[in-house]
Structure formats: C-alpha cells, structure tokens
Amino acid sequence: MTKPTVCVWCGEGIAAVASGRPRRYCRRSHRQRAYEARLVAERLGLGRGEVLVEAAALRTVRDRLRAVSAAVRTVERDLRRDDTTYEEAFGHLYAAAVGLVGLRIEPRAWLDG
C-alpha cells in the first residue's frame, strides 16, 4: 500500500512509490531548488528550519492574520452581548479570513544582489 506524501519544496501532494527510495520532490526542478537553498543557507549560516522570506510577503501575511484576529475578538464580544446572530458572526469571520485563501509564501533558493 502506498502512502501519500508531500513535496519537501512546495508542499504539494505526491504519490509514494511502492518500491525503492521514497520520493521527496514532485519535480526535478524542486529538487534542484532545494539543493540551491541548502547551499545559500549554509553560506549564510542559517540552521535547519530557518528561512529567508521577502519582507513584503511577511507584511502581507502579518496584516491578514491581524485582520482575522481582530474579527475573532469582535465576534466573540458580539456573541457574548447577544448583539449578533451566528450567521452574522460567520459572515464577519469569513470576510476577514477569505484574504488568506490561496496566500502562499514561496521558498527562495537565491539571493538578490
């Protein structure tokens, strides 16, 4: 029986092979990018689990998470006060969370400059 796994580089699902070494990457290019990223990380002295992220991408994620967090607090307050129905609360949370759908921070294997 094969166990589904995910690509180490992009996180997309890949089917495990029945025999031989398990696949770690869904594409050859992802294997190459991961190799390049390891070289850059080694050169910069980054440890395992540490990554470089573009500042703009990090700001976008942080801002959208802040909006969702504020929406959760607002809905909790409104539901405690009985000012709002569950349907209205869900609509408020959905509107705040929809900005996170499809948001990805792509790994980088190169340095600019």
PDB file of N, CA and C in Angstrom:
ATOM      1  N   MET A   1       0.848  -1.182   0.000  1.00  0.00           N
ATOM      2  CA  MET A   1       0.000   0.000   0.000  1.00  0.00           C
ATOM      3  C   MET A   1       0.886   1.234   0.000  1.00  0.00           C
ATOM      4  N   THR A   2       0.581   2.194  -0.862  1.00  0.00           N
ATOM      5  CA  THR A   2       1.394   3.399  -0.934  1.00  0.00           C
ATOM      6  C   THR A   2       0.805   4.479  -0.035  1.00  0.00           C
ATOM      7  N   LYS A   3       1.698   5.229   0.587  1.00  0.00           N
ATOM      8  CA  LYS A   3       1.283   6.297   1.490  1.00  0.00           C
ATOM      9  C   LYS A   3       1.516   7.637   0.806  1.00  0.00           C
ATOM     10  N   PRO A   4       0.496   8.498   0.712  1.00  0.00           N
ATOM     11  CA  PRO A   4       0.713   9.797   0.084  1.00  0.00           C
ATOM     12  C   PRO A   4       1.639  10.650   0.943  1.00  0.00           C
ATOM     13  N   THR A   5       2.450  11.450   0.290  1.00  0.00           N
ATOM     14  CA  THR A   5       3.384  12.323   0.985  1.00  0.00           C
ATOM     15  C   THR A   5       3.375  13.680   0.293  1.00  0.00           C
ATOM     16  N   VAL A   6       4.150  14.613   0.789  1.00  0.00           N
ATOM     17  CA  VAL A   6       4.189  15.944   0.192  1.00  0.00           C
ATOM     18  C   VAL A   6       5.612  16.289  -0.229  1.00  0.00           C
ATOM     19  N   CYS A   7       5.703  17.123  -1.252  1.00  0.00           N
ATOM     20  CA  CYS A   7       6.979  17.596  -1.764  1.00  0.00           C
ATOM     21  C   CYS A   7       7.662  18.440  -0.689  1.00  0.00           C
ATOM     22  N   VAL A   8       8.927  18.165  -0.431  1.00  0.00           N
ATOM     23  CA  VAL A   8       9.689  18.901   0.572  1.00  0.00           C
ATOM     24  C   VAL A   8       9.799  20.375   0.198  1.00  0.00           C
ATOM     25  N   TRP A   9       9.808  20.692  -1.089  1.00  0.00           N
ATOM     26  CA  TRP A   9       9.988  22.073  -1.535  1.00  0.00           C
ATOM     27  C   TRP A   9       8.689  22.873  -1.540  1.00  0.00           C
ATOM     28  N   CYS A  10       7.642  22.349  -2.181  1.00  0.00           N
ATOM     29  CA  CYS A  10       6.432  23.157  -2.387  1.00  0.00           C
ATOM     30  C   CYS A  10       5.250  22.737  -1.521  1.00  0.00           C
ATOM     31  N   GLY A  11       5.298  21.545  -0.937  1.00  0.00           N
ATOM     32  CA  GLY A  11       4.205  21.092  -0.099  1.00  0.00           C
ATOM     33  C   GLY A  11       3.057  20.438  -0.841  1.00  0.00           C
ATOM     34  N   GLU A  12       3.152  20.338  -2.168  1.00  0.00           N
ATOM     35  CA  GLU A  12       2.104  19.670  -2.948  1.00  0.00           C
ATOM     36  C   GLU A  12       2.173  18.168  -2.697  1.00  0.00           C
ATOM     37  N   GLY A  13       1.029  17.516  -2.782  1.00  0.00           N
ATOM     38  CA  GLY A  13       0.988  16.080  -2.567  1.00  0.00           C
ATOM     39  C   GLY A  13       1.645  15.310  -3.699  1.00  0.00           C
ATOM     40  N   ILE A  14       2.354  14.256  -3.353  1.00  0.00           N
ATOM     41  CA  ILE A  14       2.935  13.354  -4.353  1.00  0.00           C
ATOM     42  C   ILE A  14       2.638  11.925  -3.913  1.00  0.00           C
ATOM     43  N   ALA A  15       2.428  11.079  -4.880  1.00  0.00           N
ATOM     44  CA  ALA A  15       2.155   9.674  -4.583  1.00  0.00           C
ATOM     45  C   ALA A  15       3.464   8.966  -4.264  1.00  0.00           C
ATOM     46  N   ALA A  16       3.454   8.217  -3.195  1.00  0.00           N
ATOM     47  CA  ALA A  16       4.634   7.454  -2.817  1.00  0.00           C
ATOM     48  C   ALA A  16       4.779   6.255  -3.747  1.00  0.00           C
ATOM     49  N   VAL A  17       6.009   5.856  -3.998  1.00  0.00           N
ATOM     50  CA  VAL A  17       6.259   4.702  -4.859  1.00  0.00           C
ATOM     51  C   VAL A  17       6.202   3.430  -4.022  1.00  0.00           C
ATOM     52  N   ALA A  18       5.811   2.333  -4.663  1.00  0.00           N
ATOM     53  CA  ALA A  18       5.654   1.070  -3.950  1.00  0.00           C
ATOM     54  C   ALA A  18       6.997   0.464  -3.564  1.00  0.00           C
ATOM     55  N   SER A  19       7.999   0.653  -4.414  1.00  0.00           N
ATOM     56  CA  SER A  19       9.310   0.085  -4.102  1.00  0.00           C
ATOM     57  C   SER A  19      10.380   1.137  -4.347  1.00  0.00           C
ATOM     58  N   GLY A  20      11.522   0.903  -3.762  1.00  0.00           N
ATOM     59  CA  GLY A  20      12.620   1.848  -3.934  1.00  0.00           C
ATOM     60  C   GLY A  20      12.562   2.985  -2.930  1.00  0.00           C
ATOM     61  N   ARG A  21      13.419   3.949  -3.159  1.00  0.00           N
ATOM     62  CA  ARG A  21      13.512   5.094  -2.266  1.00  0.00           C
ATOM     63  C   ARG A  21      12.271   5.977  -2.407  1.00  0.00           C
ATOM     64  N   PRO A  22      11.714   6.426  -1.286  1.00  0.00           N
ATOM     65  CA  PRO A  22      10.540   7.298  -1.371  1.00  0.00           C
ATOM     66  C   PRO A  22      10.883   8.641  -2.019  1.00  0.00           C
ATOM     67  N   ARG A  23       9.962   9.160  -2.807  1.00  0.00           N
ATOM     68  CA  ARG A  23      10.171  10.450  -3.461  1.00  0.00           C
ATOM     69  C   ARG A  23      10.035  11.566  -2.443  1.00  0.00           C
ATOM     70  N   ARG A  24      10.907  12.572  -2.554  1.00  0.00           N
ATOM     71  CA  ARG A  24      10.852  13.731  -1.662  1.00  0.00           C
ATOM     72  C   ARG A  24      10.387  14.984  -2.392  1.00  0.00           C
ATOM     73  N   TYR A  25      10.471  14.970  -3.723  1.00  0.00           N
ATOM     74  CA  TYR A  25      10.136  16.147  -4.526  1.00  0.00           C
ATOM     75  C   TYR A  25       9.187  15.738  -5.644  1.00  0.00           C
ATOM     76  N   CYS A  26       8.274  16.655  -5.985  1.00  0.00           N
ATOM     77  CA  CYS A  26       7.317  16.347  -7.047  1.00  0.00           C
ATOM     78  C   CYS A  26       7.915  16.620  -8.428  1.00  0.00           C
ATOM     79  N   ARG A  27       8.954  17.428  -8.515  1.00  0.00           N
ATOM     80  CA  ARG A  27       9.599  17.749  -9.795  1.00  0.00           C
ATOM     81  C   ARG A  27      11.110  17.789  -9.613  1.00  0.00           C
ATOM     82  N   ARG A  28      11.821  17.570 -10.704  1.00  0.00           N
ATOM     83  CA  ARG A  28      13.284  17.688 -10.668  1.00  0.00           C
ATOM     84  C   ARG A  28      13.705  19.107 -10.313  1.00  0.00           C
ATOM     85  N   SER A  29      12.966  20.094 -10.833  1.00  0.00           N
ATOM     86  CA  SER A  29      13.316  21.494 -10.561  1.00  0.00           C
ATOM     87  C   SER A  29      13.205  21.804  -9.068  1.00  0.00           C
ATOM     88  N   HIS A  30      12.286  21.155  -8.371  1.00  0.00           N
ATOM     89  CA  HIS A  30      12.153  21.387  -6.937  1.00  0.00           C
ATOM     90  C   HIS A  30      13.320  20.768  -6.183  1.00  0.00           C
ATOM     91  N   ARG A  31      13.802  19.644  -6.652  1.00  0.00           N
ATOM     92  CA  ARG A  31      14.989  19.042  -6.043  1.00  0.00           C
ATOM     93  C   ARG A  31      16.183  19.966  -6.220  1.00  0.00           C
ATOM     94  N   GLN A  32      16.318  20.551  -7.425  1.00  0.00           N
ATOM     95  CA  GLN A  32      17.417  21.473  -7.701  1.00  0.00           C
ATOM     96  C   GLN A  32      17.307  22.733  -6.840  1.00  0.00           C
ATOM     97  N   ARG A  33      16.110  23.290  -6.733  1.00  0.00           N
ATOM     98  CA  ARG A  33      15.918  24.494  -5.913  1.00  0.00           C
ATOM     99  C   ARG A  33      16.232  24.226  -4.448  1.00  0.00           C
ATOM    100  N   ALA A  34      15.848  23.061  -3.966  1.00  0.00           N
ATOM    101  CA  ALA A  34      16.136  22.709  -2.575  1.00  0.00           C
ATOM    102  C   ALA A  34      17.643  22.612  -2.353  1.00  0.00           C
ATOM    103  N   TYR A  35      18.346  22.036  -3.310  1.00  0.00           N
ATOM    104  CA  TYR A  35      19.808  21.950  -3.228  1.00  0.00           C
ATOM    105  C   TYR A  35      20.416  23.349  -3.184  1.00  0.00           C
ATOM    106  N   GLU A  36      19.950  24.232  -4.079  1.00  0.00           N
ATOM    107  CA  GLU A  36      20.463  25.603  -4.107  1.00  0.00           C
ATOM    108  C   GLU A  36      20.157  26.332  -2.803  1.00  0.00           C
ATOM    109  N   ALA A  37      18.974  26.103  -2.255  1.00  0.00           N
ATOM    110  CA  ALA A  37      18.594  26.739  -0.994  1.00  0.00           C
ATOM    111  C   ALA A  37      19.486  26.263   0.145  1.00  0.00           C
ATOM    112  N   ARG A  38      19.827  24.970   0.147  1.00  0.00           N
ATOM    113  CA  ARG A  38      20.730  24.462   1.185  1.00  0.00           C
ATOM    114  C   ARG A  38      22.097  25.113   1.085  1.00  0.00           C
ATOM    115  N   LEU A  39      22.579  25.326  -0.146  1.00  0.00           N
ATOM    116  CA  LEU A  39      23.870  25.993  -0.326  1.00  0.00           C
ATOM    117  C   LEU A  39      23.831  27.426   0.198  1.00  0.00           C
ATOM    118  N   VAL A  40      22.763  28.158  -0.128  1.00  0.00           N
ATOM    119  CA  VAL A  40      22.619  29.542   0.346  1.00  0.00           C
ATOM    120  C   VAL A  40      22.526  29.567   1.868  1.00  0.00           C
ATOM    121  N   ALA A  41      21.732  28.678   2.437  1.00  0.00           N
ATOM    122  CA  ALA A  41      21.568  28.631   3.890  1.00  0.00           C
ATOM    123  C   ALA A  41      22.895  28.342   4.577  1.00  0.00           C
ATOM    124  N   GLU A  42      23.661  27.430   4.003  1.00  0.00           N
ATOM    125  CA  GLU A  42      24.966  27.109   4.574  1.00  0.00           C
ATOM    126  C   GLU A  42      25.882  28.328   4.521  1.00  0.00           C
ATOM    127  N   ARG A  43      25.861  29.024   3.387  1.00  0.00           N
ATOM    128  CA  ARG A  43      26.710  30.204   3.221  1.00  0.00           C
ATOM    129  C   ARG A  43      26.328  31.315   4.206  1.00  0.00           C
ATOM    130  N   LEU A  44      25.032  31.441   4.494  1.00  0.00           N
ATOM    131  CA  LEU A  44      24.557  32.481   5.412  1.00  0.00           C
ATOM    132  C   LEU A  44      24.573  32.048   6.877  1.00  0.00           C
ATOM    133  N   GLY A  45      24.865  30.787   7.112  1.00  0.00           N
ATOM    134  CA  GLY A  45      24.895  30.290   8.481  1.00  0.00           C
ATOM    135  C   GLY A  45      23.520  30.047   9.080  1.00  0.00           C
ATOM    136  N   LEU A  46      22.527  29.805   8.235  1.00  0.00           N
ATOM    137  CA  LEU A  46      21.180  29.516   8.726  1.00  0.00           C
ATOM    138  C   LEU A  46      21.097  28.067   9.191  1.00  0.00           C
ATOM    139  N   GLY A  47      20.392  27.845  10.276  1.00  0.00           N
ATOM    140  CA  GLY A  47      20.202  26.495  10.776  1.00  0.00           C
ATOM    141  C   GLY A  47      19.005  25.827  10.127  1.00  0.00           C
ATOM    142  N   ARG A  48      18.817  24.540  10.448  1.00  0.00           N
ATOM    143  CA  ARG A  48      17.659  23.820   9.924  1.00  0.00           C
ATOM    144  C   ARG A  48      16.391  24.485  10.444  1.00  0.00           C
ATOM    145  N   GLY A  49      15.441  24.672   9.555  1.00  0.00           N
ATOM    146  CA  GLY A  49      14.186  25.286   9.941  1.00  0.00           C
ATOM    147  C   GLY A  49      14.176  26.800   9.836  1.00  0.00           C
ATOM    148  N   GLU A  50      15.303  27.423   9.593  1.00  0.00           N
ATOM    149  CA  GLU A  50      15.353  28.870   9.404  1.00  0.00           C
ATOM    150  C   GLU A  50      15.238  29.171   7.915  1.00  0.00           C
ATOM    151  N   VAL A  51      14.502  30.204   7.571  1.00  0.00           N
ATOM    152  CA  VAL A  51      14.283  30.542   6.170  1.00  0.00           C
ATOM    153  C   VAL A  51      14.413  32.040   5.948  1.00  0.00           C
ATOM    154  N   LEU A  52      14.621  32.410   4.699  1.00  0.00           N
ATOM    155  CA  LEU A  52      14.587  33.806   4.283  1.00  0.00           C
ATOM    156  C   LEU A  52      13.238  34.056   3.640  1.00  0.00           C
ATOM    157  N   VAL A  53      12.596  35.143   4.020  1.00  0.00           N
ATOM    158  CA  VAL A  53      11.287  35.489   3.476  1.00  0.00           C
ATOM    159  C   VAL A  53      11.334  36.946   3.055  1.00  0.00           C
ATOM    160  N   GLU A  54      10.737  37.240   1.911  1.00  0.00           N
ATOM    161  CA  GLU A  54      10.665  38.627   1.467  1.00  0.00           C
ATOM    162  C   GLU A  54       9.845  39.433   2.462  1.00  0.00           C
ATOM    163  N   ALA A  55      10.308  40.633   2.769  1.00  0.00           N
ATOM    164  CA  ALA A  55       9.638  41.481   3.757  1.00  0.00           C
ATOM    165  C   ALA A  55       8.199  41.783   3.354  1.00  0.00           C
ATOM    166  N   ALA A  56       7.951  42.029   2.075  1.00  0.00           N
ATOM    167  CA  ALA A  56       6.593  42.349   1.615  1.00  0.00           C
ATOM    168  C   ALA A  56       5.647  41.168   1.839  1.00  0.00           C
ATOM    169  N   ALA A  57       6.116  39.954   1.579  1.00  0.00           N
ATOM    170  CA  ALA A  57       5.278  38.768   1.789  1.00  0.00           C
ATOM    171  C   ALA A  57       4.976  38.583   3.270  1.00  0.00           C
ATOM    172  N   LEU A  58       5.969  38.807   4.106  1.00  0.00           N
ATOM    173  CA  LEU A  58       5.766  38.681   5.545  1.00  0.00           C
ATOM    174  C   LEU A  58       4.780  39.732   6.051  1.00  0.00           C
ATOM    175  N   ARG A  59       4.891  40.962   5.567  1.00  0.00           N
ATOM    176  CA  ARG A  59       3.945  42.017   5.958  1.00  0.00           C
ATOM    177  C   ARG A  59       2.520  41.658   5.544  1.00  0.00           C
ATOM    178  N   THR A  60       2.366  41.116   4.343  1.00  0.00           N
ATOM    179  CA  THR A  60       1.036  40.734   3.862  1.00  0.00           C
ATOM    180  C   THR A  60       0.414  39.679   4.763  1.00  0.00           C
ATOM    181  N   VAL A  61       1.172  38.650   5.086  1.00  0.00           N
ATOM    182  CA  VAL A  61       0.660  37.589   5.955  1.00  0.00           C
ATOM    183  C   VAL A  61       0.330  38.152   7.332  1.00  0.00           C
ATOM    184  N   ARG A  62       1.241  38.941   7.881  1.00  0.00           N
ATOM    185  CA  ARG A  62       1.027  39.512   9.212  1.00  0.00           C
ATOM    186  C   ARG A  62      -0.225  40.396   9.237  1.00  0.00           C
ATOM    187  N   ASP A  63      -0.415  41.226   8.211  1.00  0.00           N
ATOM    188  CA  ASP A  63      -1.586  42.107   8.158  1.00  0.00           C
ATOM    189  C   ASP A  63      -2.884  41.318   8.058  1.00  0.00           C
ATOM    190  N   ARG A  64      -2.893  40.288   7.231  1.00  0.00           N
ATOM    191  CA  ARG A  64      -4.116  39.493   7.071  1.00  0.00           C
ATOM    192  C   ARG A  64      -4.435  38.690   8.329  1.00  0.00           C
ATOM    193  N   LEU A  65      -3.399  38.178   8.998  1.00  0.00           N
ATOM    194  CA  LEU A  65      -3.629  37.462  10.251  1.00  0.00           C
ATOM    195  C   LEU A  65      -4.128  38.413  11.337  1.00  0.00           C
ATOM    196  N   ARG A  66      -3.615  39.633  11.342  1.00  0.00           N
ATOM    197  CA  ARG A  66      -4.080  40.638  12.297  1.00  0.00           C
ATOM    198  C   ARG A  66      -5.570  40.936  12.073  1.00  0.00           C
ATOM    199  N   ALA A  67      -5.984  41.013  10.809  1.00  0.00           N
ATOM    200  CA  ALA A  67      -7.393  41.263  10.491  1.00  0.00           C
ATOM    201  C   ALA A  67      -8.276  40.116  10.973  1.00  0.00           C
ATOM    202  N   VAL A  68      -7.821  38.886  10.786  1.00  0.00           N
ATOM    203  CA  VAL A  68      -8.593  37.724  11.245  1.00  0.00           C
ATOM    204  C   VAL A  68      -8.667  37.720  12.769  1.00  0.00           C
ATOM    205  N   SER A  69      -7.558  38.010  13.422  1.00  0.00           N
ATOM    206  CA  SER A  69      -7.532  38.052  14.881  1.00  0.00           C
ATOM    207  C   SER A  69      -8.502  39.106  15.418  1.00  0.00           C
ATOM    208  N   ALA A  70      -8.518  40.273  14.803  1.00  0.00           N
ATOM    209  CA  ALA A  70      -9.446  41.330  15.220  1.00  0.00           C
ATOM    210  C   ALA A  70     -10.894  40.904  14.993  1.00  0.00           C
ATOM    211  N   ALA A  71     -11.151  40.229  13.884  1.00  0.00           N
ATOM    212  CA  ALA A  71     -12.508  39.759  13.596  1.00  0.00           C
ATOM    213  C   ALA A  71     -12.961  38.739  14.634  1.00  0.00           C
ATOM    214  N   VAL A  72     -12.066  37.854  15.038  1.00  0.00           N
ATOM    215  CA  VAL A  72     -12.411  36.853  16.054  1.00  0.00           C
ATOM    216  C   VAL A  72     -12.767  37.546  17.365  1.00  0.00           C
ATOM    217  N   ARG A  73     -11.963  38.518  17.774  1.00  0.00           N
ATOM    218  CA  ARG A  73     -12.251  39.243  19.018  1.00  0.00           C
ATOM    219  C   ARG A  73     -13.596  39.978  18.933  1.00  0.00           C
ATOM    220  N   THR A  74     -13.860  40.596  17.791  1.00  0.00           N
ATOM    221  CA  THR A  74     -15.125  41.315  17.605  1.00  0.00           C
ATOM    222  C   THR A  74     -16.312  40.363  17.682  1.00  0.00           C
ATOM    223  N   VAL A  75     -16.202  39.226  17.008  1.00  0.00           N
ATOM    224  CA  VAL A  75     -17.294  38.246  17.012  1.00  0.00           C
ATOM    225  C   VAL A  75     -17.502  37.685  18.414  1.00  0.00           C
ATOM    226  N   GLU A  76     -16.409  37.378  19.123  1.00  0.00           N
ATOM    227  CA  GLU A  76     -16.550  36.874  20.494  1.00  0.00           C
ATOM    228  C   GLU A  76     -17.300  37.885  21.362  1.00  0.00           C
ATOM    229  N   ARG A  77     -16.924  39.149  21.247  1.00  0.00           N
ATOM    230  CA  ARG A  77     -17.576  40.208  22.027  1.00  0.00           C
ATOM    231  C   ARG A  77     -19.060  40.311  21.657  1.00  0.00           C
ATOM    232  N   ASP A  78     -19.339  40.338  20.358  1.00  0.00           N
ATOM    233  CA  ASP A  78     -20.726  40.479  19.906  1.00  0.00           C
ATOM    234  C   ASP A  78     -21.593  39.295  20.328  1.00  0.00           C
ATOM    235  N   LEU A  79     -21.048  38.091  20.269  1.00  0.00           N
ATOM    236  CA  LEU A  79     -21.827  36.915  20.660  1.00  0.00           C
ATOM    237  C   LEU A  79     -22.086  36.909  22.166  1.00  0.00           C
ATOM    238  N   ARG A  80     -21.121  37.388  22.954  1.00  0.00           N
ATOM    239  CA  ARG A  80     -21.339  37.469  24.406  1.00  0.00           C
ATOM    240  C   ARG A  80     -22.456  38.461  24.731  1.00  0.00           C
ATOM    241  N   ARG A  81     -22.530  39.536  23.975  1.00  0.00           N
ATOM    242  CA  ARG A  81     -23.541  40.574  24.207  1.00  0.00           C
ATOM    243  C   ARG A  81     -24.877  40.243  23.533  1.00  0.00           C
ATOM    244  N   ASP A  82     -24.927  39.192  22.790  1.00  0.00           N
ATOM    245  CA  ASP A  82     -26.127  38.822  22.025  1.00  0.00           C
ATOM    246  C   ASP A  82     -26.529  39.903  21.029  1.00  0.00           C
ATOM    247  N   ASP A  83     -25.544  40.655  20.547  1.00  0.00           N
ATOM    248  CA  ASP A  83     -25.819  41.696  19.553  1.00  0.00           C
ATOM    249  C   ASP A  83     -25.917  41.139  18.139  1.00  0.00           C
ATOM    250  N   THR A  84     -25.476  39.926  17.964  1.00  0.00           N
ATOM    251  CA  THR A  84     -25.377  39.401  16.604  1.00  0.00           C
ATOM    252  C   THR A  84     -25.778  37.935  16.574  1.00  0.00           C
ATOM    253  N   THR A  85     -26.234  37.478  15.426  1.00  0.00           N
ATOM    254  CA  THR A  85     -26.574  36.068  15.260  1.00  0.00           C
ATOM    255  C   THR A  85     -25.328  35.307  14.818  1.00  0.00           C
ATOM    256  N   TYR A  86     -25.405  33.993  14.900  1.00  0.00           N
ATOM    257  CA  TYR A  86     -24.281  33.173  14.456  1.00  0.00           C
ATOM    258  C   TYR A  86     -24.029  33.345  12.965  1.00  0.00           C
ATOM    259  N   GLU A  87     -25.072  33.531  12.199  1.00  0.00           N
ATOM    260  CA  GLU A  87     -24.899  33.732  10.757  1.00  0.00           C
ATOM    261  C   GLU A  87     -24.144  35.026  10.478  1.00  0.00           C
ATOM    262  N   GLU A  88     -24.494  36.089  11.200  1.00  0.00           N
ATOM    263  CA  GLU A  88     -23.779  37.363  11.033  1.00  0.00           C
ATOM    264  C   GLU A  88     -22.328  37.232  11.481  1.00  0.00           C
ATOM    265  N   ALA A  89     -22.114  36.504  12.576  1.00  0.00           N
ATOM    266  CA  ALA A  89     -20.757  36.297  13.082  1.00  0.00           C
ATOM    267  C   ALA A  89     -19.927  35.522  12.065  1.00  0.00           C
ATOM    268  N   PHE A  90     -20.529  34.476  11.511  1.00  0.00           N
ATOM    269  CA  PHE A  90     -19.813  33.704  10.500  1.00  0.00           C
ATOM    270  C   PHE A  90     -19.463  34.577   9.304  1.00  0.00           C
ATOM    271  N   GLY A  91     -20.391  35.391   8.854  1.00  0.00           N
ATOM    272  CA  GLY A  91     -20.132  36.279   7.720  1.00  0.00           C
ATOM    273  C   GLY A  91     -18.978  37.225   7.991  1.00  0.00           C
ATOM    274  N   HIS A  92     -18.908  37.746   9.207  1.00  0.00           N
ATOM    275  CA  HIS A  92     -17.817  38.653   9.579  1.00  0.00           C
ATOM    276  C   HIS A  92     -16.473  37.917   9.567  1.00  0.00           C
ATOM    277  N   LEU A  93     -16.450  36.733  10.159  1.00  0.00           N
ATOM    278  CA  LEU A  93     -15.210  35.941  10.176  1.00  0.00           C
ATOM    279  C   LEU A  93     -14.798  35.523   8.774  1.00  0.00           C
ATOM    280  N   TYR A  94     -15.769  35.115   7.983  1.00  0.00           N
ATOM    281  CA  TYR A  94     -15.475  34.700   6.612  1.00  0.00           C
ATOM    282  C   TYR A  94     -14.866  35.851   5.818  1.00  0.00           C
ATOM    283  N   ALA A  95     -15.438  37.033   5.940  1.00  0.00           N
ATOM    284  CA  ALA A  95     -14.923  38.197   5.210  1.00  0.00           C
ATOM    285  C   ALA A  95     -13.482  38.501   5.604  1.00  0.00           C
ATOM    286  N   ALA A  96     -13.148  38.306   6.877  1.00  0.00           N
ATOM    287  CA  ALA A  96     -11.781  38.561   7.330  1.00  0.00           C
ATOM    288  C   ALA A  96     -10.827  37.462   6.879  1.00  0.00           C
ATOM    289  N   ALA A  97     -11.305  36.213   6.856  1.00  0.00           N
ATOM    290  CA  ALA A  97     -10.427  35.082   6.556  1.00  0.00           C
ATOM    291  C   ALA A  97     -10.235  34.836   5.073  1.00  0.00           C
ATOM    292  N   VAL A  98     -11.147  35.306   4.228  1.00  0.00           N
ATOM    293  CA  VAL A  98     -11.075  34.991   2.803  1.00  0.00           C
ATOM    294  C   VAL A  98      -9.779  35.522   2.178  1.00  0.00           C
ATOM    295  N   GLY A  99      -9.190  36.554   2.747  1.00  0.00           N
ATOM    296  CA  GLY A  99      -7.928  37.085   2.232  1.00  0.00           C
ATOM    297  C   GLY A  99      -6.758  36.134   2.392  1.00  0.00           C
ATOM    298  N   LEU A 100      -6.894  35.159   3.272  1.00  0.00           N
ATOM    299  CA  LEU A 100      -5.818  34.187   3.474  1.00  0.00           C
ATOM    300  C   LEU A 100      -5.880  33.024   2.491  1.00  0.00           C
ATOM    301  N   VAL A 101      -7.018  32.862   1.828  1.00  0.00           N
ATOM    302  CA  VAL A 101      -7.177  31.759   0.883  1.00  0.00           C
ATOM    303  C   VAL A 101      -6.212  31.950  -0.283  1.00  0.00           C
ATOM    304  N   GLY A 102      -5.435  30.949  -0.545  1.00  0.00           N
ATOM    305  CA  GLY A 102      -4.501  30.998  -1.666  1.00  0.00           C
ATOM    306  C   GLY A 102      -3.229  31.768  -1.384  1.00  0.00           C
ATOM    307  N   LEU A 103      -3.109  32.356  -0.200  1.00  0.00           N
ATOM    308  CA  LEU A 103      -1.900  33.099   0.142  1.00  0.00           C
ATOM    309  C   LEU A 103      -0.775  32.116   0.425  1.00  0.00           C
ATOM    310  N   ARG A 104       0.352  32.320  -0.233  1.00  0.00           N
ATOM    311  CA  ARG A 104       1.499  31.434  -0.042  1.00  0.00           C
ATOM    312  C   ARG A 104       2.757  32.262   0.064  1.00  0.00           C
ATOM    313  N   ILE A 105       3.661  31.799   0.862  1.00  0.00           N
ATOM    314  CA  ILE A 105       4.995  32.370   0.891  1.00  0.00           C
ATOM    315  C   ILE A 105       5.879  31.346   0.206  1.00  0.00           C
ATOM    316  N   GLU A 106       6.397  31.721  -0.942  1.00  0.00           N
ATOM    317  CA  GLU A 106       7.197  30.792  -1.729  1.00  0.00           C
ATOM    318  C   GLU A 106       8.617  30.715  -1.182  1.00  0.00           C
ATOM    319  N   PRO A 107       9.173  29.520  -1.118  1.00  0.00           N
ATOM    320  CA  PRO A 107      10.571  29.379  -0.731  1.00  0.00           C
ATOM    321  C   PRO A 107      11.472  30.012  -1.780  1.00  0.00           C
ATOM    322  N   ARG A 108      12.619  30.478  -1.350  1.00  0.00           N
ATOM    323  CA  ARG A 108      13.564  31.094  -2.281  1.00  0.00           C
ATOM    324  C   ARG A 108      14.886  30.357  -2.189  1.00  0.00           C
ATOM    325  N   ALA A 109      15.495  30.154  -3.328  1.00  0.00           N
ATOM    326  CA  ALA A 109      16.772  29.447  -3.368  1.00  0.00           C
ATOM    327  C   ALA A 109      17.895  30.357  -3.836  1.00  0.00           C
ATOM    328  N   TRP A 110      17.656  31.643  -3.916  1.00  0.00           N
ATOM    329  CA  TRP A 110      18.678  32.549  -4.417  1.00  0.00           C
ATOM    330  C   TRP A 110      18.658  33.837  -3.606  1.00  0.00           C
ATOM    331  N   LEU A 111      19.728  34.574  -3.701  1.00  0.00           N
ATOM    332  CA  LEU A 111      19.824  35.888  -3.076  1.00  0.00           C
ATOM    333  C   LEU A 111      19.903  36.929  -4.163  1.00  0.00           C
ATOM    334  N   ASP A 112      19.201  38.026  -3.982  1.00  0.00           N
ATOM    335  CA  ASP A 112      19.304  39.136  -4.922  1.00  0.00           C
ATOM    336  C   ASP A 112      20.510  39.979  -4.526  1.00  0.00           C
ATOM    337  N   GLY A 113      21.286  40.355  -5.536  1.00  0.00           N
ATOM    338  CA  GLY A 113      22.434  41.227  -5.273  1.00  0.00           C
ATOM    339  C   GLY A 113      23.571  40.459  -4.846  1.00  0.00           C
TER     340      GLY A 113
END
